């Protein structure tokens, strides 16, 4: 009985030692995470004030929601928006200007990666969480990825030409 108790005591001490090491490491990660967040905030604020002081006085969104899907805008988009019409832009350029689409709920890529982007179709539901995208009857589903991006670019171009800004969400 004494040996069994000694063995259990040894096991519990070993577990306690490993737990203490894990807790110490997790609190260190928590401090690192907070420090990274603080530095990113400082960097964004300093970049934002420098960037927007050189450009016209409107904020350029990095991510938008159109037709119920989230898309990320590349910096190169602003060199074409309001200048190039959608008919004058090649598919590869449209694809590089608008990244995504992403699910607005789980934020994962809506369409799987494929080499032949021209033949890829945008499914009606997110393949990860199952949420449907809301095209409000303006788009015939199924639609190819390139055609969706062309329609989004066209909508953004019209919005930018009309008001000089882009709203992050379409209402």
C-alpha atoms as a PDB file:
ATOM      1  CA  UNK A   1       0.000   0.000   0.000  1.00  0.00           C
ATOM      2  CA  UNK A   2       2.859   2.352   0.889  1.00  0.00           C
ATOM      3  CA  UNK A   3       4.516   1.734  -2.484  1.00  0.00           C
ATOM      4  CA  UNK A   4       1.271   2.428  -4.312  1.00  0.00           C
ATOM      5  CA  UNK A   5       0.821   5.733  -2.443  1.00  0.00           C
ATOM      6  CA  UNK A   6       4.434   6.683  -3.163  1.00  0.00           C
ATOM      7  CA  UNK A   7       3.901   5.912  -6.872  1.00  0.00           C
ATOM      8  CA  UNK A   8       0.712   8.059  -6.999  1.00  0.00           C
ATOM      9  CA  UNK A   9       2.519  10.903  -5.215  1.00  0.00           C
ATOM     10  CA  UNK A  10       5.343  10.750  -7.771  1.00  0.00           C
ATOM     11  CA  UNK A  11       2.845  10.819 -10.677  1.00  0.00           C
ATOM     12  CA  UNK A  12       0.988  13.796  -9.239  1.00  0.00           C
ATOM     13  CA  UNK A  13       4.256  15.698  -8.672  1.00  0.00           C
ATOM     14  CA  UNK A  14       5.278  15.018 -12.274  1.00  0.00           C
ATOM     15  CA  UNK A  15       1.906  16.229 -13.553  1.00  0.00           C
ATOM     16  CA  UNK A  16       2.060  19.315 -11.345  1.00  0.00           C
ATOM     17  CA  UNK A  17       5.524  20.178 -12.638  1.00  0.00           C
ATOM     18  CA  UNK A  18       4.423  19.892 -16.257  1.00  0.00           C
ATOM     19  CA  UNK A  19       1.273  21.943 -15.571  1.00  0.00           C
ATOM     20  CA  UNK A  20       3.314  24.684 -13.909  1.00  0.00           C
ATOM     21  CA  UNK A  21       5.592  24.828 -16.948  1.00  0.00           C
ATOM     22  CA  UNK A  22       2.558  24.999 -19.273  1.00  0.00           C
ATOM     23  CA  UNK A  23       0.898  27.767 -17.251  1.00  0.00           C
ATOM     24  CA  UNK A  24       4.120  29.767 -17.194  1.00  0.00           C
ATOM     25  CA  UNK A  25       4.446  29.409 -20.974  1.00  0.00           C
ATOM     26  CA  UNK A  26       0.780  30.313 -21.633  1.00  0.00           C
ATOM     27  CA  UNK A  27       1.030  33.533 -19.591  1.00  0.00           C
ATOM     28  CA  UNK A  28       4.171  34.433 -21.528  1.00  0.00           C
ATOM     29  CA  UNK A  29       2.232  33.904 -24.776  1.00  0.00           C
ATOM     30  CA  UNK A  30      -0.569  36.057 -23.442  1.00  0.00           C
ATOM     31  CA  UNK A  31       1.865  38.909 -22.757  1.00  0.00           C
ATOM     32  CA  UNK A  32       3.433  38.495 -26.205  1.00  0.00           C
ATOM     33  CA  UNK A  33      -0.011  38.562 -27.813  1.00  0.00           C
ATOM     34  CA  UNK A  34      -0.942  41.771 -25.982  1.00  0.00           C
ATOM     35  CA  UNK A  35       2.372  43.364 -26.951  1.00  0.00           C
ATOM     36  CA  UNK A  36       1.898  42.426 -30.616  1.00  0.00           C
ATOM     37  CA  UNK A  37      -1.631  43.887 -30.595  1.00  0.00           C
ATOM     38  CA  UNK A  38      -0.344  47.111 -29.034  1.00  0.00           C
ATOM     39  CA  UNK A  39       2.444  47.421 -31.604  1.00  0.00           C
ATOM     40  CA  UNK A  40       0.116  46.686 -34.524  1.00  0.00           C
ATOM     41  CA  UNK A  41      -2.271  49.378 -33.313  1.00  0.00           C
ATOM     42  CA  UNK A  42       0.573  51.886 -33.094  1.00  0.00           C
ATOM     43  CA  UNK A  43       1.808  50.907 -36.548  1.00  0.00           C
ATOM     44  CA  UNK A  44      -1.645  51.187 -38.117  1.00  0.00           C
ATOM     45  CA  UNK A  45      -2.181  54.596 -36.535  1.00  0.00           C
ATOM     46  CA  UNK A  46       1.180  55.934 -37.693  1.00  0.00           C
ATOM     47  CA  UNK A  47       0.794  54.449 -41.197  1.00  0.00           C
ATOM     48  CA  UNK A  48      -2.774  55.647 -41.456  1.00  0.00           C
ATOM     49  CA  UNK A  49      -2.004  59.255 -40.585  1.00  0.00           C
ATOM     50  CA  UNK A  50       0.961  59.330 -42.970  1.00  0.00           C
ATOM     51  CA  UNK A  51      -0.889  57.604 -45.809  1.00  0.00           C
ATOM     52  CA  UNK A  52      -4.061  59.660 -45.616  1.00  0.00           C
ATOM     53  CA  UNK A  53      -2.298  62.971 -45.279  1.00  0.00           C
ATOM     54  CA  UNK A  54      -0.755  62.395 -48.715  1.00  0.00           C
ATOM     55  CA  UNK A  55      -4.033  61.323 -50.335  1.00  0.00           C
ATOM     56  CA  UNK A  56      -7.467  62.892 -50.587  1.00  0.00           C
ATOM     57  CA  UNK A  57      -9.422  63.079 -47.332  1.00  0.00           C
ATOM     58  CA  UNK A  58     -11.377  59.835 -47.450  1.00  0.00           C
ATOM     59  CA  UNK A  59     -10.766  56.514 -45.860  1.00  0.00           C
ATOM     60  CA  UNK A  60     -10.037  53.590 -48.126  1.00  0.00           C
ATOM     61  CA  UNK A  61     -11.514  50.353 -46.800  1.00  0.00           C
ATOM     62  CA  UNK A  62      -9.325  47.255 -46.953  1.00  0.00           C
ATOM     63  CA  UNK A  63     -12.239  44.847 -46.784  1.00  0.00           C
ATOM     64  CA  UNK A  64     -15.784  45.173 -48.112  1.00  0.00           C
ATOM     65  CA  UNK A  65     -18.992  43.176 -48.186  1.00  0.00           C
ATOM     66  CA  UNK A  66     -20.797  43.061 -51.534  1.00  0.00           C
ATOM     67  CA  UNK A  67     -23.592  40.694 -52.539  1.00  0.00           C
ATOM     68  CA  UNK A  68     -23.313  39.168 -49.052  1.00  0.00           C
ATOM     69  CA  UNK A  69     -19.672  38.090 -49.544  1.00  0.00           C
ATOM     70  CA  UNK A  70     -16.543  39.609 -48.011  1.00  0.00           C
ATOM     71  CA  UNK A  71     -13.755  40.673 -50.370  1.00  0.00           C
ATOM     72  CA  UNK A  72     -10.353  42.172 -49.643  1.00  0.00           C
ATOM     73  CA  UNK A  73      -9.207  45.111 -51.749  1.00  0.00           C
ATOM     74  CA  UNK A  74      -5.614  45.319 -52.920  1.00  0.00           C
ATOM     75  CA  UNK A  75      -3.788  48.643 -52.817  1.00  0.00           C
ATOM     76  CA  UNK A  76      -3.536  48.542 -56.622  1.00  0.00           C
ATOM     77  CA  UNK A  77      -7.324  48.802 -56.886  1.00  0.00           C
ATOM     78  CA  UNK A  78      -7.209  52.533 -56.197  1.00  0.00           C
ATOM     79  CA  UNK A  79      -5.075  53.121 -59.296  1.00  0.00           C
ATOM     80  CA  UNK A  80      -7.852  51.657 -61.475  1.00  0.00           C
ATOM     81  CA  UNK A  81     -11.066  52.565 -59.667  1.00  0.00           C
ATOM     82  CA  UNK A  82     -12.818  55.485 -61.330  1.00  0.00           C
ATOM     83  CA  UNK A  83     -10.348  55.364 -64.221  1.00  0.00           C
ATOM     84  CA  UNK A  84     -10.608  51.933 -65.860  1.00  0.00           C
ATOM     85  CA  UNK A  85     -13.962  50.504 -66.825  1.00  0.00           C
ATOM     86  CA  UNK A  86     -14.621  46.846 -66.123  1.00  0.00           C
ATOM     87  CA  UNK A  87     -14.703  46.037 -69.865  1.00  0.00           C
ATOM     88  CA  UNK A  88     -11.136  47.343 -70.263  1.00  0.00           C
ATOM     89  CA  UNK A  89      -9.632  45.185 -67.510  1.00  0.00           C
ATOM     90  CA  UNK A  90      -8.311  41.644 -68.025  1.00  0.00           C
ATOM     91  CA  UNK A  91      -9.520  38.762 -65.866  1.00  0.00           C
ATOM     92  CA  UNK A  92      -6.127  38.291 -64.222  1.00  0.00           C
ATOM     93  CA  UNK A  93      -6.004  41.949 -63.145  1.00  0.00           C
ATOM     94  CA  UNK A  94      -9.549  41.812 -61.743  1.00  0.00           C
ATOM     95  CA  UNK A  95      -8.547  38.688 -59.835  1.00  0.00           C
ATOM     96  CA  UNK A  96      -5.522  40.436 -58.337  1.00  0.00           C
ATOM     97  CA  UNK A  97      -7.442  43.616 -57.420  1.00  0.00           C
ATOM     98  CA  UNK A  98     -10.149  41.757 -55.478  1.00  0.00           C
ATOM     99  CA  UNK A  99      -9.128  38.874 -53.207  1.00  0.00           C
ATOM    100  CA  UNK A 100     -11.714  36.403 -52.053  1.00  0.00           C
ATOM    101  CA  UNK A 101     -14.579  36.015 -51.731  1.00  0.00           C
ATOM    102  CA  UNK A 102     -14.604  35.080 -48.062  1.00  0.00           C
ATOM    103  CA  UNK A 103     -17.466  34.013 -45.841  1.00  0.00           C
ATOM    104  CA  UNK A 104     -18.758  36.984 -43.803  1.00  0.00           C
ATOM    105  CA  UNK A 105     -19.469  34.632 -40.874  1.00  0.00           C
ATOM    106  CA  UNK A 106     -16.464  32.288 -40.545  1.00  0.00           C
ATOM    107  CA  UNK A 107     -14.097  34.438 -42.700  1.00  0.00           C
ATOM    108  CA  UNK A 108     -12.794  31.403 -44.585  1.00  0.00           C
ATOM    109  CA  UNK A 109     -12.295  31.317 -48.350  1.00  0.00           C
ATOM    110  CA  UNK A 110     -15.673  30.793 -50.008  1.00  0.00           C
ATOM    111  CA  UNK A 111     -14.254  29.162 -53.136  1.00  0.00           C
ATOM    112  CA  UNK A 112     -11.559  26.499 -53.083  1.00  0.00           C
ATOM    113  CA  UNK A 113      -8.222  27.179 -54.721  1.00  0.00           C
ATOM    114  CA  UNK A 114      -7.904  25.983 -58.301  1.00  0.00           C
ATOM    115  CA  UNK A 115      -5.494  26.634 -61.133  1.00  0.00           C
ATOM    116  CA  UNK A 116      -8.165  27.368 -63.716  1.00  0.00           C
ATOM    117  CA  UNK A 117      -9.880  30.365 -62.116  1.00  0.00           C
ATOM    118  CA  UNK A 118     -12.002  30.988 -65.202  1.00  0.00           C
ATOM    119  CA  UNK A 119     -13.966  27.774 -64.673  1.00  0.00           C
ATOM    120  CA  UNK A 120     -14.417  28.117 -60.889  1.00  0.00           C
ATOM    121  CA  UNK A 121     -17.955  28.701 -59.714  1.00  0.00           C
ATOM    122  CA  UNK A 122     -19.066  30.404 -56.529  1.00  0.00           C
ATOM    123  CA  UNK A 123     -21.173  27.913 -54.564  1.00  0.00           C
ATOM    124  CA  UNK A 124     -24.488  28.980 -53.023  1.00  0.00           C
ATOM    125  CA  UNK A 125     -23.298  28.100 -49.494  1.00  0.00           C
ATOM    126  CA  UNK A 126     -20.054  28.389 -47.547  1.00  0.00           C
ATOM    127  CA  UNK A 127     -18.269  25.057 -47.664  1.00  0.00           C
ATOM    128  CA  UNK A 128     -17.107  25.529 -44.055  1.00  0.00           C
ATOM    129  CA  UNK A 129     -20.085  26.855 -42.058  1.00  0.00           C
ATOM    130  CA  UNK A 130     -22.977  26.386 -44.507  1.00  0.00           C
ATOM    131  CA  UNK A 131     -24.215  29.987 -44.548  1.00  0.00           C
ATOM    132  CA  UNK A 132     -25.745  31.171 -47.829  1.00  0.00           C
ATOM    133  CA  UNK A 133     -24.714  34.388 -49.525  1.00  0.00           C
ATOM    134  CA  UNK A 134     -27.366  36.960 -50.232  1.00  0.00           C
ATOM    135  CA  UNK A 135     -27.295  38.188 -53.794  1.00  0.00           C
ATOM    136  CA  UNK A 136     -30.792  39.729 -53.368  1.00  0.00           C
ATOM    137  CA  UNK A 137     -31.806  38.463 -56.761  1.00  0.00           C
ATOM    138  CA  UNK A 138     -29.264  40.672 -58.552  1.00  0.00           C
ATOM    139  CA  UNK A 139     -27.013  37.778 -59.563  1.00  0.00           C
ATOM    140  CA  UNK A 140     -27.969  34.552 -61.264  1.00  0.00           C
ATOM    141  CA  UNK A 141     -26.479  31.650 -59.319  1.00  0.00           C
ATOM    142  CA  UNK A 142     -24.328  29.723 -60.191  1.00  0.00           C
ATOM    143  CA  UNK A 143     -21.823  32.340 -61.273  1.00  0.00           C
ATOM    144  CA  UNK A 144     -18.160  32.027 -62.160  1.00  0.00           C
ATOM    145  CA  UNK A 145     -15.626  33.530 -59.778  1.00  0.00           C
ATOM    146  CA  UNK A 146     -14.271  35.883 -62.455  1.00  0.00           C
ATOM    147  CA  UNK A 147     -17.756  37.120 -63.377  1.00  0.00           C
ATOM    148  CA  UNK A 148     -18.585  37.740 -59.701  1.00  0.00           C
ATOM    149  CA  UNK A 149     -15.408  39.786 -59.278  1.00  0.00           C
ATOM    150  CA  UNK A 150     -16.208  41.727 -62.458  1.00  0.00           C
ATOM    151  CA  UNK A 151     -19.655  42.583 -61.104  1.00  0.00           C
ATOM    152  CA  UNK A 152     -18.193  43.630 -57.751  1.00  0.00           C
ATOM    153  CA  UNK A 153     -15.586  45.813 -59.491  1.00  0.00           C
ATOM    154  CA  UNK A 154     -18.286  47.371 -61.690  1.00  0.00           C
ATOM    155  CA  UNK A 155     -20.408  48.147 -58.620  1.00  0.00           C
ATOM    156  CA  UNK A 156     -17.398  49.637 -56.795  1.00  0.00           C
ATOM    157  CA  UNK A 157     -16.455  51.708 -59.849  1.00  0.00           C
ATOM    158  CA  UNK A 158     -19.963  53.169 -60.137  1.00  0.00           C
ATOM    159  CA  UNK A 159     -20.072  53.882 -56.404  1.00  0.00           C
ATOM    160  CA  UNK A 160     -16.653  55.550 -56.492  1.00  0.00           C
ATOM    161  CA  UNK A 161     -17.507  57.678 -59.536  1.00  0.00           C
ATOM    162  CA  UNK A 162     -20.809  58.767 -57.982  1.00  0.00           C
ATOM    163  CA  UNK A 163     -19.554  59.724 -54.530  1.00  0.00           C
ATOM    164  CA  UNK A 164     -15.760  59.535 -54.454  1.00  0.00           C
ATOM    165  CA  UNK A 165     -15.846  56.954 -51.661  1.00  0.00           C
ATOM    166  CA  UNK A 166     -16.496  53.279 -51.078  1.00  0.00           C
ATOM    167  CA  UNK A 167     -18.724  52.034 -48.255  1.00  0.00           C
ATOM    168  CA  UNK A 168     -17.427  48.948 -46.438  1.00  0.00           C
ATOM    169  CA  UNK A 169     -20.863  47.298 -46.558  1.00  0.00           C
ATOM    170  CA  UNK A 170     -23.645  47.323 -49.130  1.00  0.00           C
ATOM    171  CA  UNK A 171     -26.952  48.003 -47.488  1.00  0.00           C
END
